[in-house]
Amino acid sequence: MTQNIHAIERPIRIVLGLAMLAGGTFLGLSNPLWFVLAAVGLVPLVTGVMGICPAYSLLGFSTLKEEA
């Protein structure tokens, strides 16, 4: 798979994912919302680190600029 996430978007996704994981951690493991935040927070974190968004690939979308 080729990367389809712009260099500016990647750190935003990483920070958002880490913030959601941290927010879930502060809720505590006994709260069911923790699992939801952790699961949803992993998506932007992993896509930001890898630079590949499967949803973008399915839709044929890319935020990378084409080089001339």
Protein backbone atom coordinates (compact mmCIF):
# COMPACT_ATOMS: atom_id res chain seq x y z
CA MET A 1 0.00 0.00 0.00
CA THR A 2 1.21 3.46 -0.79
CA GLN A 3 1.01 6.32 1.64
CA ASN A 4 -2.00 8.57 1.21
CA ILE A 5 -1.78 10.89 4.23
CA HIS A 6 -0.05 14.27 4.00
CA ALA A 7 2.92 15.02 6.28
CA ILE A 8 0.93 17.73 8.09
CA GLU A 9 -2.01 15.41 8.73
CA ARG A 10 0.13 12.62 10.21
CA PRO A 11 1.14 14.36 13.49
CA ILE A 12 -2.42 15.62 13.92
CA ARG A 13 -3.69 12.04 13.75
CA ILE A 14 -0.99 10.86 16.15
CA VAL A 15 -1.76 13.56 18.73
CA LEU A 16 -5.50 12.94 18.42
CA GLY A 17 -5.02 9.20 18.90
CA LEU A 18 -2.77 9.68 21.93
CA ALA A 19 -5.23 12.18 23.43
CA MET A 20 -8.08 9.70 23.08
CA LEU A 21 -6.00 6.94 24.65
CA ALA A 22 -5.00 9.25 27.51
CA GLY A 23 -8.62 10.34 28.00
CA GLY A 24 -9.69 6.74 28.20
CA THR A 25 -6.97 5.99 30.72
CA PHE A 26 -8.15 8.80 32.98
CA LEU A 27 -11.66 7.33 32.95
CA GLY A 28 -10.32 4.13 34.49
CA LEU A 29 -10.44 0.53 33.37
CA SER A 30 -13.75 -0.13 35.11
CA ASN A 31 -15.59 2.38 32.92
CA PRO A 32 -16.89 0.82 29.65
CA LEU A 33 -16.22 4.09 27.83
CA TRP A 34 -12.50 3.44 28.34
CA PHE A 35 -12.59 0.56 25.87
CA VAL A 36 -14.47 2.65 23.30
CA LEU A 37 -12.01 5.56 23.54
CA ALA A 38 -9.04 3.20 23.40
CA ALA A 39 -10.36 1.32 20.37
CA VAL A 40 -11.32 4.49 18.49
CA GLY A 41 -8.08 6.24 19.54
CA LEU A 42 -5.95 3.48 18.07
CA VAL A 43 -7.27 4.12 14.57
CA PRO A 44 -5.87 7.65 14.09
CA LEU A 45 -2.72 6.71 15.99
CA VAL A 46 -1.91 3.72 13.76
CA THR A 47 -2.90 5.47 10.52
CA GLY A 48 -0.81 8.50 11.50
CA VAL A 49 2.25 6.40 12.26
CA MET A 50 1.92 4.31 9.09
CA GLY A 51 0.86 7.16 6.81
CA ILE A 52 -1.82 4.98 5.27
CA CYS A 53 -5.57 5.41 5.74
CA PRO A 54 -7.57 2.39 4.54
CA ALA A 55 -10.73 4.50 4.26
CA TYR A 56 -8.91 6.90 1.92
CA SER A 57 -7.77 3.92 -0.15
CA LEU A 58 -11.29 2.54 -0.45
CA LEU A 59 -12.62 5.92 -1.56
CA GLY A 60 -9.71 6.61 -3.91
CA PHE A 61 -8.80 9.73 -1.93
CA SER A 62 -5.38 11.06 -0.94
CA THR A 63 -4.22 14.17 0.86
CA LEU A 64 -0.73 13.86 -0.62
CA LYS A 65 -0.03 16.40 -3.31
CA GLU A 66 0.91 15.04 -6.69
CA GLU A 67 4.42 16.05 -7.69
CA ALA A 68 4.71 17.64 -11.11
